């Protein structure tokens, strides 16, 4: 059955991506849209294959566990659809819907997995329980995220369409982690939906009812699937909105909002004990430390005081912006991650040396930088498993890499290479 369903659905959705107005309005032609869709499908298939043949070592068994659990939910959908759609909101914990940032006895911790399983169970109605057919559906659904960011970045850099296209879609870890049957693809759709509608809402000075609904939908997706992103998303979003109303250099607004957010992060517990964000971060790190795993690395234990957070800052930045080191390589995925991060660091060096002098950093680009930095720090403070770090940081890479690459004067390194080639050949 799968051998019949897969090509039929693949052809159907390849045609469908050329008919969806949101995709065709991106300026990409039909061939480009189909190629991008097929790349996501291939990445999703590879993701599933790694989960089968490389799962234990690379910590990739979650995707197949979700598949198995979704088959059970699929049976519930067939027999009792009312319970299927309502039990997601039920909680049997004494704390109810509290424990927002904890992982034990928390509805918020459970809902991220339960929501994904519900989505996959709906896919099963049409795939008849076949994992790789579900990949086609998921690839189509999650294509909305990178298309949204591409449309935004193309508007920011209208003369850099090809560079924006390549760096939005083809960062290896981003393509891989947002195409596999896991949470990252949907998280990025939620994040990209918010960014898209805020950006064009500000640009057009128009926040229609439908636009606000899309923003709320994106916010709900992020909140359900990775609630700690709320802490890193809100400050830069407030700063972005403030720059639309205040005639001050955007960088000063972002720095002021960030400073106030840091103060609130460490002092909110004195307003309400439930808002003990430092303690929640410490608990999160301890839970990851208990998980262990082949890619776990030794880290300094975090304490809930500001001194400990400052002391652990270099470690947090190193974990998320430099690792995995070549010495961390244990398997194919860690090798790919090590090569990628070193290539991205090289791109950053090129940006520092050959950045276009005439370009200015807009409020939107500052939003991308501050949001990404917040995610990087949150992951660095809490996660010590390199595989998880690579997955978590993947969703912000386009927000950093696209502006970086688009602001490089590529003629300068190109000319330098030509000069050196001539010198060598003359010798």
Foldseek 3Di string as FASTA:
>chain_A
DLVVLQVVLLVVVLVVCQVDPLNVVLVDHSVVSSVLLVLLLVLQVVLVVCLVPVCQALVSVVLVVLLVVLCVLLVCCVVPVVCSVPVLQDAPAPVRQAPLLDCPSHSLNVSLSSVLSSVSSVVCVRSVSDQSSVLSVQSSVLVQLLSLVLSLLCVVQVPCNVLLVCLSRPLPLLSNLLSHSDLLSQLSNLVSQLLSLVRVCLVVVDCDPVSVVSNVVSVVSNCRNPVVLVLLQPLLVVLLVVVSPDPDPSVVSSVVSVVVSVVCQLCVCVVPVSSNNLVSLLNLQVVQVVVDHLQFDDDDRADSDPVRLVVCQVQLCCLQQQDDDPVSDDDDVRVSVNVSSVVVVVLLVLLVVFFAPPDDQDSSLVSLVSSLVSQSNSCSSRHRRSSVSSSSSSSSSSSPRSVSVSRGPVVVVVVVVVVVVVVVVVD
